[in-house]
Each structure stands twice: as C-alpha cells, then as structure tokens.
Amino acid sequence: MEIKAKFWIENKGEVVLGGGKTALLLAVDRLGTIQSAADQFGMSYRHAWGMIKKIEQRAGFKLVDTKLGGKEGGGAQLTPRGREFIKKTDSLLRDLQVAVEKRFRDKFQKDSLR
C-alpha cells in the first residue's frame, strides 16, 4: 500500500501554486518558452499563459518575464523573485510528500499491511 497526498498554496481562498503549476513554471524556466513548457504538459499555449497570469494575479507579483518573438524568437524565464518563490515552493512540496510517506510507513508498516 501507499499513500497519496496533494498540497497547494492558497491566497485568500484561491489556489496560487501546487505541484502541477510549479512543474509548469519550472519547465518554462528550463525550456525558455511558454510554448515548449505547454507542449511538454500536453496543453495549449493559451491555457498555459492563462494559468501563469492567474498565478501571478493570485500571488500578487510577476513570476515570468517574456520577450516577444520575431526574427530572433521570443522567450520566457522566471523573474528573480519568481524563481526564488518557485524554488521554495517546490522544496516545500517535496518535503511535505516525504514527511507524509514517512508517517504512513511508521503507522502502517508495523501492522504488516503491505
């Protein structure tokens, strides 16, 4: 058996970030474009862009800097503040998952419910 848990950060009752949104923003930063990140997650550019705008609105600050396309191509990357926020969020979400899994093992593996 295993345990599954989902965590997210809210602001005034609205979801700002969770695992999926964090992964999308990390992909934008790693791949350098919103389109490439959207493709990786099987979503449209419009959907990804809408998610990013909603995250920024709920967080209260800009997370992604974009550069318009054209001859040299466009691009996107996390702002310094966005990068720090995403880094902390990703670390926190991973830590919480590890803690939940450890507590599950501590509680249930002793009872031989494997």
PDB file of N, CA and C in Angstrom:
ATOM      1  N   MET A   1       0.837  -1.183   0.000  1.00  0.00           N
ATOM      2  CA  MET A   1       0.000   0.000   0.000  1.00  0.00           C
ATOM      3  C   MET A   1       0.877   1.240   0.000  1.00  0.00           C
ATOM      4  N   GLU A   2       0.281   2.304  -0.475  1.00  0.00           N
ATOM      5  CA  GLU A   2       0.974   3.585  -0.472  1.00  0.00           C
ATOM      6  C   GLU A   2      -0.029   4.694  -0.203  1.00  0.00           C
ATOM      7  N   ILE A   3       0.463   5.839   0.172  1.00  0.00           N
ATOM      8  CA  ILE A   3      -0.403   6.990   0.434  1.00  0.00           C
ATOM      9  C   ILE A   3      -0.179   8.036  -0.652  1.00  0.00           C
ATOM     10  N   LYS A   4      -1.241   8.736  -0.985  1.00  0.00           N
ATOM     11  CA  LYS A   4      -1.172   9.821  -1.958  1.00  0.00           C
ATOM     12  C   LYS A   4      -1.662  11.091  -1.267  1.00  0.00           C
ATOM     13  N   ALA A   5      -0.981  12.178  -1.518  1.00  0.00           N
ATOM     14  CA  ALA A   5      -1.379  13.458  -0.934  1.00  0.00           C
ATOM     15  C   ALA A   5      -1.075  14.573  -1.924  1.00  0.00           C
ATOM     16  N   LYS A   6      -1.909  15.604  -1.897  1.00  0.00           N
ATOM     17  CA  LYS A   6      -1.679  16.780  -2.734  1.00  0.00           C
ATOM     18  C   LYS A   6      -1.671  17.994  -1.823  1.00  0.00           C
ATOM     19  N   PHE A   7      -0.737  18.880  -2.071  1.00  0.00           N
ATOM     20  CA  PHE A   7      -0.627  20.111  -1.312  1.00  0.00           C
ATOM     21  C   PHE A   7      -0.624  21.278  -2.273  1.00  0.00           C
ATOM     22  N   TRP A   8      -1.112  22.405  -1.822  1.00  0.00           N
ATOM     23  CA  TRP A   8      -1.063  23.611  -2.625  1.00  0.00           C
ATOM     24  C   TRP A   8      -1.035  24.812  -1.697  1.00  0.00           C
ATOM     25  N   ILE A   9      -0.654  25.940  -2.265  1.00  0.00           N
ATOM     26  CA  ILE A   9      -0.614  27.198  -1.528  1.00  0.00           C
ATOM     27  C   ILE A   9      -1.787  28.040  -2.005  1.00  0.00           C
ATOM     28  N   GLU A  10      -2.523  28.605  -1.059  1.00  0.00           N
ATOM     29  CA  GLU A  10      -3.650  29.464  -1.376  1.00  0.00           C
ATOM     30  C   GLU A  10      -3.390  30.877  -0.876  1.00  0.00           C
ATOM     31  N   ASN A  11      -4.053  31.825  -1.495  1.00  0.00           N
ATOM     32  CA  ASN A  11      -4.058  33.207  -1.042  1.00  0.00           C
ATOM     33  C   ASN A  11      -5.505  33.664  -1.070  1.00  0.00           C
ATOM     34  N   LYS A  12      -6.038  33.992   0.088  1.00  0.00           N
ATOM     35  CA  LYS A  12      -7.439  34.428   0.205  1.00  0.00           C
ATOM     36  C   LYS A  12      -8.398  33.406  -0.398  1.00  0.00           C
ATOM     37  N   GLY A  13      -8.128  32.140  -0.141  1.00  0.00           N
ATOM     38  CA  GLY A  13      -9.017  31.065  -0.583  1.00  0.00           C
ATOM     39  C   GLY A  13      -8.863  30.641  -2.025  1.00  0.00           C
ATOM     40  N   GLU A  14      -7.927  31.235  -2.772  1.00  0.00           N
ATOM     41  CA  GLU A  14      -7.712  30.858  -4.170  1.00  0.00           C
ATOM     42  C   GLU A  14      -6.350  30.184  -4.318  1.00  0.00           C
ATOM     43  N   VAL A  15      -6.325  29.110  -5.096  1.00  0.00           N
ATOM     44  CA  VAL A  15      -5.084  28.368  -5.303  1.00  0.00           C
ATOM     45  C   VAL A  15      -4.078  29.225  -6.055  1.00  0.00           C
ATOM     46  N   VAL A  16      -2.888  29.362  -5.489  1.00  0.00           N
ATOM     47  CA  VAL A  16      -1.792  30.061  -6.152  1.00  0.00           C
ATOM     48  C   VAL A  16      -0.919  29.027  -6.845  1.00  0.00           C
ATOM     49  N   LEU A  17      -0.411  28.092  -6.083  1.00  0.00           N
ATOM     50  CA  LEU A  17       0.502  27.079  -6.625  1.00  0.00           C
ATOM     51  C   LEU A  17       0.281  25.730  -5.980  1.00  0.00           C
ATOM     52  N   GLY A  18       0.480  24.704  -6.772  1.00  0.00           N
ATOM     53  CA  GLY A  18       0.522  23.337  -6.309  1.00  0.00           C
ATOM     54  C   GLY A  18       1.576  22.634  -7.147  1.00  0.00           C
ATOM     55  N   GLY A  19       1.615  21.340  -7.088  1.00  0.00           N
ATOM     56  CA  GLY A  19       2.638  20.584  -7.810  1.00  0.00           C
ATOM     57  C   GLY A  19       2.624  20.782  -9.314  1.00  0.00           C
ATOM     58  N   GLY A  20       1.452  20.760  -9.937  1.00  0.00           N
ATOM     59  CA  GLY A  20       1.359  20.897 -11.390  1.00  0.00           C
ATOM     60  C   GLY A  20       1.756  22.280 -11.881  1.00  0.00           C
ATOM     61  N   LYS A  21       1.262  23.297 -11.203  1.00  0.00           N
ATOM     62  CA  LYS A  21       1.598  24.669 -11.599  1.00  0.00           C
ATOM     63  C   LYS A  21       3.080  24.950 -11.379  1.00  0.00           C
ATOM     64  N   THR A  22       3.603  24.426 -10.286  1.00  0.00           N
ATOM     65  CA  THR A  22       5.039  24.585 -10.010  1.00  0.00           C
ATOM     66  C   THR A  22       5.861  23.919 -11.105  1.00  0.00           C
ATOM     67  N   ALA A  23       5.470  22.715 -11.505  1.00  0.00           N
ATOM     68  CA  ALA A  23       6.188  21.996 -12.565  1.00  0.00           C
ATOM     69  C   ALA A  23       6.134  22.762 -13.886  1.00  0.00           C
ATOM     70  N   LEU A  24       4.977  23.369 -14.193  1.00  0.00           N
ATOM     71  CA  LEU A  24       4.853  24.154 -15.420  1.00  0.00           C
ATOM     72  C   LEU A  24       5.817  25.338 -15.394  1.00  0.00           C
ATOM     73  N   LEU A  25       5.855  26.065 -14.295  1.00  0.00           N
ATOM     74  CA  LEU A  25       6.744  27.228 -14.197  1.00  0.00           C
ATOM     75  C   LEU A  25       8.212  26.827 -14.242  1.00  0.00           C
ATOM     76  N   LEU A  26       8.556  25.719 -13.619  1.00  0.00           N
ATOM     77  CA  LEU A  26       9.940  25.230 -13.701  1.00  0.00           C
ATOM     78  C   LEU A  26      10.294  24.863 -15.135  1.00  0.00           C
ATOM     79  N   ALA A  27       9.333  24.289 -15.867  1.00  0.00           N
ATOM     80  CA  ALA A  27       9.563  23.930 -17.269  1.00  0.00           C
ATOM     81  C   ALA A  27       9.731  25.176 -18.133  1.00  0.00           C
ATOM     82  N   VAL A  28       8.947  26.218 -17.880  1.00  0.00           N
ATOM     83  CA  VAL A  28       9.100  27.477 -18.617  1.00  0.00           C
ATOM     84  C   VAL A  28      10.529  27.986 -18.434  1.00  0.00           C
ATOM     85  N   ASP A  29      10.982  27.978 -17.197  1.00  0.00           N
ATOM     86  CA  ASP A  29      12.326  28.489 -16.918  1.00  0.00           C
ATOM     87  C   ASP A  29      13.409  27.615 -17.550  1.00  0.00           C
ATOM     88  N   ARG A  30      13.224  26.302 -17.479  1.00  0.00           N
ATOM     89  CA  ARG A  30      14.214  25.366 -18.020  1.00  0.00           C
ATOM     90  C   ARG A  30      14.245  25.379 -19.548  1.00  0.00           C
ATOM     91  N   LEU A  31      13.070  25.428 -20.174  1.00  0.00           N
ATOM     92  CA  LEU A  31      12.973  25.326 -21.631  1.00  0.00           C
ATOM     93  C   LEU A  31      13.057  26.673 -22.337  1.00  0.00           C
ATOM     94  N   GLY A  32      12.777  27.745 -21.615  1.00  0.00           N
ATOM     95  CA  GLY A  32      12.931  29.078 -22.179  1.00  0.00           C
ATOM     96  C   GLY A  32      11.745  29.639 -22.936  1.00  0.00           C
ATOM     97  N   THR A  33      10.670  28.859 -23.061  1.00  0.00           N
ATOM     98  CA  THR A  33       9.458  29.380 -23.697  1.00  0.00           C
ATOM     99  C   THR A  33       8.222  28.777 -23.042  1.00  0.00           C
ATOM    100  N   ILE A  34       7.155  29.555 -23.062  1.00  0.00           N
ATOM    101  CA  ILE A  34       5.882  29.058 -22.555  1.00  0.00           C
ATOM    102  C   ILE A  34       5.364  27.963 -23.483  1.00  0.00           C
ATOM    103  N   GLN A  35       5.550  28.134 -24.790  1.00  0.00           N
ATOM    104  CA  GLN A  35       5.083  27.136 -25.755  1.00  0.00           C
ATOM    105  C   GLN A  35       5.739  25.777 -25.511  1.00  0.00           C
ATOM    106  N   SER A  36       7.050  25.760 -25.311  1.00  0.00           N
ATOM    107  CA  SER A  36       7.754  24.487 -25.067  1.00  0.00           C
ATOM    108  C   SER A  36       7.266  23.827 -23.785  1.00  0.00           C
ATOM    109  N   ALA A  37       7.064  24.625 -22.752  1.00  0.00           N
ATOM    110  CA  ALA A  37       6.569  24.078 -21.485  1.00  0.00           C
ATOM    111  C   ALA A  37       5.148  23.540 -21.664  1.00  0.00           C
ATOM    112  N   ALA A  38       4.314  24.290 -22.366  1.00  0.00           N
ATOM    113  CA  ALA A  38       2.936  23.841 -22.621  1.00  0.00           C
ATOM    114  C   ALA A  38       2.938  22.520 -23.382  1.00  0.00           C
ATOM    115  N   ASP A  39       3.773  22.429 -24.411  1.00  0.00           N
ATOM    116  CA  ASP A  39       3.878  21.195 -25.188  1.00  0.00           C
ATOM    117  C   ASP A  39       4.266  20.014 -24.303  1.00  0.00           C
ATOM    118  N   GLN A  40       5.192  20.248 -23.391  1.00  0.00           N
ATOM    119  CA  GLN A  40       5.657  19.176 -22.507  1.00  0.00           C
ATOM    120  C   GLN A  40       4.516  18.635 -21.648  1.00  0.00           C
ATOM    121  N   PHE A  41       3.566  19.506 -21.305  1.00  0.00           N
ATOM    122  CA  PHE A  41       2.458  19.091 -20.448  1.00  0.00           C
ATOM    123  C   PHE A  41       1.184  18.805 -21.234  1.00  0.00           C
ATOM    124  N   GLY A  42       1.282  18.806 -22.556  1.00  0.00           N
ATOM    125  CA  GLY A  42       0.133  18.472 -23.384  1.00  0.00           C
ATOM    126  C   GLY A  42      -0.988  19.498 -23.303  1.00  0.00           C
ATOM    127  N   MET A  43      -0.622  20.753 -23.156  1.00  0.00           N
ATOM    128  CA  MET A  43      -1.639  21.798 -23.098  1.00  0.00           C
ATOM    129  C   MET A  43      -1.347  22.863 -24.136  1.00  0.00           C
ATOM    130  N   SER A  44      -2.338  23.661 -24.427  1.00  0.00           N
ATOM    131  CA  SER A  44      -2.154  24.734 -25.399  1.00  0.00           C
ATOM    132  C   SER A  44      -1.363  25.881 -24.765  1.00  0.00           C
ATOM    133  N   TYR A  45      -0.762  26.677 -25.636  1.00  0.00           N
ATOM    134  CA  TYR A  45      -0.060  27.877 -25.176  1.00  0.00           C
ATOM    135  C   TYR A  45      -1.038  28.770 -24.421  1.00  0.00           C
ATOM    136  N   ARG A  46      -2.228  28.931 -24.975  1.00  0.00           N
ATOM    137  CA  ARG A  46      -3.232  29.810 -24.363  1.00  0.00           C
ATOM    138  C   ARG A  46      -3.578  29.359 -22.941  1.00  0.00           C
ATOM    139  N   HIS A  47      -3.741  28.057 -22.753  1.00  0.00           N
ATOM    140  CA  HIS A  47      -4.052  27.522 -21.424  1.00  0.00           C
ATOM    141  C   HIS A  47      -2.895  27.774 -20.453  1.00  0.00           C
ATOM    142  N   ALA A  48      -1.681  27.508 -20.901  1.00  0.00           N
ATOM    143  CA  ALA A  48      -0.502  27.722 -20.046  1.00  0.00           C
ATOM    144  C   ALA A  48      -0.358  29.200 -19.689  1.00  0.00           C
ATOM    145  N   TRP A  49      -0.516  30.069 -20.680  1.00  0.00           N
ATOM    146  CA  TRP A  49      -0.398  31.507 -20.446  1.00  0.00           C
ATOM    147  C   TRP A  49      -1.469  31.974 -19.459  1.00  0.00           C
ATOM    148  N   GLY A  50      -2.687  31.470 -19.614  1.00  0.00           N
ATOM    149  CA  GLY A  50      -3.771  31.806 -18.689  1.00  0.00           C
ATOM    150  C   GLY A  50      -3.466  31.367 -17.271  1.00  0.00           C
ATOM    151  N   MET A  51      -2.903  30.184 -17.129  1.00  0.00           N
ATOM    152  CA  MET A  51      -2.514  29.687 -15.805  1.00  0.00           C
ATOM    153  C   MET A  51      -1.460  30.598 -15.179  1.00  0.00           C
ATOM    154  N   ILE A  52      -0.474  30.978 -15.965  1.00  0.00           N
ATOM    155  CA  ILE A  52       0.599  31.833 -15.459  1.00  0.00           C
ATOM    156  C   ILE A  52       0.042  33.175 -15.006  1.00  0.00           C
ATOM    157  N   LYS A  53      -0.826  33.779 -15.808  1.00  0.00           N
ATOM    158  CA  LYS A  53      -1.411  35.068 -15.444  1.00  0.00           C
ATOM    159  C   LYS A  53      -2.231  34.948 -14.159  1.00  0.00           C
ATOM    160  N   LYS A  54      -2.973  33.844 -14.029  1.00  0.00           N
ATOM    161  CA  LYS A  54      -3.778  33.625 -12.829  1.00  0.00           C
ATOM    162  C   LYS A  54      -2.879  33.438 -11.600  1.00  0.00           C
ATOM    163  N   ILE A  55      -1.794  32.697 -11.758  1.00  0.00           N
ATOM    164  CA  ILE A  55      -0.848  32.504 -10.654  1.00  0.00           C
ATOM    165  C   ILE A  55      -0.280  33.850 -10.213  1.00  0.00           C
ATOM    166  N   GLU A  56       0.133  34.652 -11.187  1.00  0.00           N
ATOM    167  CA  GLU A  56       0.705  35.956 -10.869  1.00  0.00           C
ATOM    168  C   GLU A  56      -0.316  36.852 -10.164  1.00  0.00           C
ATOM    169  N   GLN A  57      -1.533  36.844 -10.650  1.00  0.00           N
ATOM    170  CA  GLN A  57      -2.587  37.658 -10.045  1.00  0.00           C
ATOM    171  C   GLN A  57      -2.815  37.242  -8.594  1.00  0.00           C
ATOM    172  N   ARG A  58      -2.891  35.961  -8.354  1.00  0.00           N
ATOM    173  CA  ARG A  58      -3.165  35.460  -7.003  1.00  0.00           C
ATOM    174  C   ARG A  58      -1.964  35.615  -6.077  1.00  0.00           C
ATOM    175  N   ALA A  59      -0.763  35.502  -6.636  1.00  0.00           N
ATOM    176  CA  ALA A  59       0.451  35.662  -5.826  1.00  0.00           C
ATOM    177  C   ALA A  59       0.689  37.134  -5.498  1.00  0.00           C
ATOM    178  N   GLY A  60       0.273  38.001  -6.401  1.00  0.00           N
ATOM    179  CA  GLY A  60       0.456  39.426  -6.174  1.00  0.00           C
ATOM    180  C   GLY A  60       1.766  39.980  -6.697  1.00  0.00           C
ATOM    181  N   PHE A  61       2.461  39.195  -7.512  1.00  0.00           N
ATOM    182  CA  PHE A  61       3.701  39.677  -8.123  1.00  0.00           C
ATOM    183  C   PHE A  61       3.988  38.899  -9.400  1.00  0.00           C
ATOM    184  N   LYS A  62       4.839  39.464 -10.232  1.00  0.00           N
ATOM    185  CA  LYS A  62       5.194  38.877 -11.534  1.00  0.00           C
ATOM    186  C   LYS A  62       6.169  37.715 -11.319  1.00  0.00           C
ATOM    187  N   LEU A  63       5.860  36.579 -11.935  1.00  0.00           N
ATOM    188  CA  LEU A  63       6.724  35.406 -11.834  1.00  0.00           C
ATOM    189  C   LEU A  63       7.481  35.124 -13.123  1.00  0.00           C
ATOM    190  N   VAL A  64       6.924  35.544 -14.264  1.00  0.00           N
ATOM    191  CA  VAL A  64       7.513  35.213 -15.558  1.00  0.00           C
ATOM    192  C   VAL A  64       7.754  36.481 -16.369  1.00  0.00           C
ATOM    193  N   ASP A  65       8.971  36.617 -16.873  1.00  0.00           N
ATOM    194  CA  ASP A  65       9.305  37.670 -17.827  1.00  0.00           C
ATOM    195  C   ASP A  65       9.245  37.063 -19.217  1.00  0.00           C
ATOM    196  N   THR A  66       8.629  37.776 -20.150  1.00  0.00           N
ATOM    197  CA  THR A  66       8.549  37.285 -21.524  1.00  0.00           C
ATOM    198  C   THR A  66       9.208  38.279 -22.472  1.00  0.00           C
ATOM    199  N   LYS A  67       9.686  37.734 -23.579  1.00  0.00           N
ATOM    200  CA  LYS A  67      10.265  38.538 -24.649  1.00  0.00           C
ATOM    201  C   LYS A  67       9.490  38.182 -25.908  1.00  0.00           C
ATOM    202  N   LEU A  68       8.981  39.203 -26.603  1.00  0.00           N
ATOM    203  CA  LEU A  68       8.202  38.960 -27.812  1.00  0.00           C
ATOM    204  C   LEU A  68       9.033  38.252 -28.873  1.00  0.00           C
ATOM    205  N   GLY A  69       8.353  37.481 -29.697  1.00  0.00           N
ATOM    206  CA  GLY A  69       9.017  36.747 -30.780  1.00  0.00           C
ATOM    207  C   GLY A  69       9.489  37.671 -31.884  1.00  0.00           C
ATOM    208  N   GLY A  70       9.561  37.135 -33.049  1.00  0.00           N
ATOM    209  CA  GLY A  70      10.067  37.903 -34.178  1.00  0.00           C
ATOM    210  C   GLY A  70      11.236  37.164 -34.797  1.00  0.00           C
ATOM    211  N   LYS A  71      12.086  37.902 -35.454  1.00  0.00           N
ATOM    212  CA  LYS A  71      13.212  37.308 -36.176  1.00  0.00           C
ATOM    213  C   LYS A  71      14.106  36.468 -35.259  1.00  0.00           C
ATOM    214  N   GLU A  72      14.336  36.959 -34.078  1.00  0.00           N
ATOM    215  CA  GLU A  72      15.234  36.258 -33.146  1.00  0.00           C
ATOM    216  C   GLU A  72      14.493  35.303 -32.221  1.00  0.00           C
ATOM    217  N   GLY A  73      13.181  35.266 -32.316  1.00  0.00           N
ATOM    218  CA  GLY A  73      12.403  34.366 -31.475  1.00  0.00           C
ATOM    219  C   GLY A  73      12.109  34.975 -30.121  1.00  0.00           C
ATOM    220  N   GLY A  74      11.037  34.513 -29.510  1.00  0.00           N
ATOM    221  CA  GLY A  74      10.655  35.003 -28.193  1.00  0.00           C
ATOM    222  C   GLY A  74      11.257  34.134 -27.114  1.00  0.00           C
ATOM    223  N   GLY A  75      10.811  34.360 -25.935  1.00  0.00           N
ATOM    224  CA  GLY A  75      11.309  33.561 -24.836  1.00  0.00           C
ATOM    225  C   GLY A  75      10.616  33.935 -23.545  1.00  0.00           C
ATOM    226  N   ALA A  76      10.847  33.141 -22.536  1.00  0.00           N
ATOM    227  CA  ALA A  76      10.276  33.379 -21.217  1.00  0.00           C
ATOM    228  C   ALA A  76      11.201  32.786 -20.170  1.00  0.00           C
ATOM    229  N   GLN A  77      11.237  33.447 -19.046  1.00  0.00           N
ATOM    230  CA  GLN A  77      12.008  32.912 -17.912  1.00  0.00           C
ATOM    231  C   GLN A  77      11.389  33.447 -16.632  1.00  0.00           C
ATOM    232  N   LEU A  78      11.679  32.790 -15.542  1.00  0.00           N
ATOM    233  CA  LEU A  78      11.183  33.251 -14.254  1.00  0.00           C
ATOM    234  C   LEU A  78      11.904  34.532 -13.854  1.00  0.00           C
ATOM    235  N   THR A  79      11.171  35.425 -13.207  1.00  0.00           N
ATOM    236  CA  THR A  79      11.801  36.610 -12.638  1.00  0.00           C
ATOM    237  C   THR A  79      12.649  36.143 -11.450  1.00  0.00           C
ATOM    238  N   PRO A  80      13.590  36.944 -10.987  1.00  0.00           N
ATOM    239  CA  PRO A  80      14.355  36.531  -9.811  1.00  0.00           C
ATOM    240  C   PRO A  80      13.451  36.208  -8.613  1.00  0.00           C
ATOM    241  N   ARG A  81      12.455  37.053  -8.376  1.00  0.00           N
ATOM    242  CA  ARG A  81      11.524  36.790  -7.270  1.00  0.00           C
ATOM    243  C   ARG A  81      10.709  35.536  -7.543  1.00  0.00           C
ATOM    244  N   GLY A  82      10.277  35.349  -8.793  1.00  0.00           N
ATOM    245  CA  GLY A  82       9.525  34.160  -9.165  1.00  0.00           C
ATOM    246  C   GLY A  82      10.343  32.896  -8.998  1.00  0.00           C
ATOM    247  N   ARG A  83      11.606  32.959  -9.410  1.00  0.00           N
ATOM    248  CA  ARG A  83      12.492  31.798  -9.286  1.00  0.00           C
ATOM    249  C   ARG A  83      12.661  31.401  -7.815  1.00  0.00           C
ATOM    250  N   GLU A  84      12.842  32.380  -6.960  1.00  0.00           N
ATOM    251  CA  GLU A  84      13.010  32.092  -5.526  1.00  0.00           C
ATOM    252  C   GLU A  84      11.726  31.511  -4.942  1.00  0.00           C
ATOM    253  N   PHE A  85      10.585  32.077  -5.324  1.00  0.00           N
ATOM    254  CA  PHE A  85       9.295  31.593  -4.840  1.00  0.00           C
ATOM    255  C   PHE A  85       9.039  30.156  -5.296  1.00  0.00           C
ATOM    256  N   ILE A  86       9.310  29.887  -6.565  1.00  0.00           N
ATOM    257  CA  ILE A  86       9.094  28.545  -7.106  1.00  0.00           C
ATOM    258  C   ILE A  86      10.063  27.550  -6.468  1.00  0.00           C
ATOM    259  N   LYS A  87      11.299  27.965  -6.290  1.00  0.00           N
ATOM    260  CA  LYS A  87      12.297  27.091  -5.658  1.00  0.00           C
ATOM    261  C   LYS A  87      11.857  26.709  -4.244  1.00  0.00           C
ATOM    262  N   LYS A  88      11.386  27.695  -3.479  1.00  0.00           N
ATOM    263  CA  LYS A  88      10.924  27.419  -2.109  1.00  0.00           C
ATOM    264  C   LYS A  88       9.670  26.555  -2.118  1.00  0.00           C
ATOM    265  N   THR A  89       8.755  26.855  -3.023  1.00  0.00           N
ATOM    266  CA  THR A  89       7.516  26.079  -3.103  1.00  0.00           C
ATOM    267  C   THR A  89       7.803  24.633  -3.480  1.00  0.00           C
ATOM    268  N   ASP A  90       8.637  24.434  -4.497  1.00  0.00           N
ATOM    269  CA  ASP A  90       8.981  23.084  -4.931  1.00  0.00           C
ATOM    270  C   ASP A  90       9.642  22.306  -3.795  1.00  0.00           C
ATOM    271  N   SER A  91      10.558  22.943  -3.091  1.00  0.00           N
ATOM    272  CA  SER A  91      11.239  22.300  -1.965  1.00  0.00           C
ATOM    273  C   SER A  91      10.241  21.943  -0.858  1.00  0.00           C
ATOM    274  N   LEU A  92       9.350  22.874  -0.543  1.00  0.00           N
ATOM    275  CA  LEU A  92       8.349  22.616   0.488  1.00  0.00           C
ATOM    276  C   LEU A  92       7.442  21.458   0.102  1.00  0.00           C
ATOM    277  N   LEU A  93       6.949  21.445  -1.128  1.00  0.00           N
ATOM    278  CA  LEU A  93       6.057  20.376  -1.565  1.00  0.00           C
ATOM    279  C   LEU A  93       6.745  19.013  -1.518  1.00  0.00           C
ATOM    280  N   ARG A  94       8.018  18.981  -1.907  1.00  0.00           N
ATOM    281  CA  ARG A  94       8.774  17.716  -1.834  1.00  0.00           C
ATOM    282  C   ARG A  94       8.962  17.270  -0.384  1.00  0.00           C
ATOM    283  N   ASP A  95       9.299  18.229   0.481  1.00  0.00           N
ATOM    284  CA  ASP A  95       9.475  17.916   1.907  1.00  0.00           C
ATOM    285  C   ASP A  95       8.190  17.377   2.526  1.00  0.00           C
ATOM    286  N   LEU A  96       7.067  17.994   2.188  1.00  0.00           N
ATOM    287  CA  LEU A  96       5.785  17.535   2.718  1.00  0.00           C
ATOM    288  C   LEU A  96       5.463  16.126   2.250  1.00  0.00           C
ATOM    289  N   GLN A  97       5.748  15.831   0.979  1.00  0.00           N
ATOM    290  CA  GLN A  97       5.480  14.490   0.458  1.00  0.00           C
ATOM    291  C   GLN A  97       6.332  13.444   1.180  1.00  0.00           C
ATOM    292  N   VAL A  98       7.593  13.770   1.405  1.00  0.00           N
ATOM    293  CA  VAL A  98       8.484  12.858   2.122  1.00  0.00           C
ATOM    294  C   VAL A  98       7.972  12.631   3.544  1.00  0.00           C
ATOM    295  N   ALA A  99       7.542  13.695   4.214  1.00  0.00           N
ATOM    296  CA  ALA A  99       7.044  13.582   5.589  1.00  0.00           C
ATOM    297  C   ALA A  99       5.785  12.717   5.647  1.00  0.00           C
ATOM    298  N   VAL A 100       4.874  12.907   4.699  1.00  0.00           N
ATOM    299  CA  VAL A 100       3.645  12.119   4.671  1.00  0.00           C
ATOM    300  C   VAL A 100       3.970  10.650   4.442  1.00  0.00           C
ATOM    301  N   GLU A 101       4.865  10.361   3.504  1.00  0.00           N
ATOM    302  CA  GLU A 101       5.236   8.971   3.226  1.00  0.00           C
ATOM    303  C   GLU A 101       5.908   8.323   4.434  1.00  0.00           C
ATOM    304  N   LYS A 102       6.743   9.073   5.122  1.00  0.00           N
ATOM    305  CA  LYS A 102       7.415   8.539   6.317  1.00  0.00           C
ATOM    306  C   LYS A 102       6.393   8.230   7.407  1.00  0.00           C
ATOM    307  N   ARG A 103       5.470   9.144   7.647  1.00  0.00           N
ATOM    308  CA  ARG A 103       4.438   8.915   8.672  1.00  0.00           C
ATOM    309  C   ARG A 103       3.583   7.701   8.309  1.00  0.00           C
ATOM    310  N   PHE A 104       3.278   7.557   7.029  1.00  0.00           N
ATOM    311  CA  PHE A 104       2.496   6.409   6.581  1.00  0.00           C
ATOM    312  C   PHE A 104       3.251   5.111   6.886  1.00  0.00           C
ATOM    313  N   ARG A 105       4.534   5.079   6.509  1.00  0.00           N
ATOM    314  CA  ARG A 105       5.338   3.876   6.791  1.00  0.00           C
ATOM    315  C   ARG A 105       5.396   3.604   8.283  1.00  0.00           C
ATOM    316  N   ASP A 106       5.613   4.650   9.081  1.00  0.00           N
ATOM    317  CA  ASP A 106       5.696   4.488  10.534  1.00  0.00           C
ATOM    318  C   ASP A 106       4.402   3.915  11.106  1.00  0.00           C
ATOM    319  N   LYS A 107       3.282   4.343  10.595  1.00  0.00           N
ATOM    320  CA  LYS A 107       1.986   3.906  11.125  1.00  0.00           C
ATOM    321  C   LYS A 107       1.541   2.546  10.612  1.00  0.00           C
ATOM    322  N   PHE A 108       1.795   2.259   9.330  1.00  0.00           N
ATOM    323  CA  PHE A 108       1.183   1.091   8.721  1.00  0.00           C
ATOM    324  C   PHE A 108       2.108  -0.087   8.470  1.00  0.00           C
ATOM    325  N   GLN A 109       3.385   0.147   8.278  1.00  0.00           N
ATOM    326  CA  GLN A 109       4.251  -0.996   8.013  1.00  0.00           C
ATOM    327  C   GLN A 109       4.450  -1.839   9.278  1.00  0.00           C
ATOM    328  N   LYS A 110       4.288  -1.250  10.403  1.00  0.00           N
ATOM    329  CA  LYS A 110       4.395  -2.004  11.663  1.00  0.00           C
ATOM    330  C   LYS A 110       3.241  -2.997  11.793  1.00  0.00           C
ATOM    331  N   ASP A 111       2.127  -2.675  11.131  1.00  0.00           N
ATOM    332  CA  ASP A 111       0.936  -3.533  11.224  1.00  0.00           C
ATOM    333  C   ASP A 111       0.891  -4.586  10.122  1.00  0.00           C
ATOM    334  N   SER A 112       1.961  -4.711   9.359  1.00  0.00           N
ATOM    335  CA  SER A 112       2.055  -5.623   8.219  1.00  0.00           C
ATOM    336  C   SER A 112       0.880  -5.524   7.246  1.00  0.00           C
ATOM    337  N   LEU A 113       0.559  -4.307   6.861  1.00  0.00           N
ATOM    338  CA  LEU A 113      -0.491  -4.082   5.870  1.00  0.00           C
ATOM    339  C   LEU A 113       0.099  -3.936   4.483  1.00  0.00           C
ATOM    340  N   ARG A 114       1.244  -4.497   4.249  1.00  0.00           N
ATOM    341  CA  ARG A 114       1.919  -4.338   2.960  1.00  0.00           C
ATOM    342  C   ARG A 114       1.255  -5.093   1.875  1.00  0.00           C
TER     343      ARG A 114
END
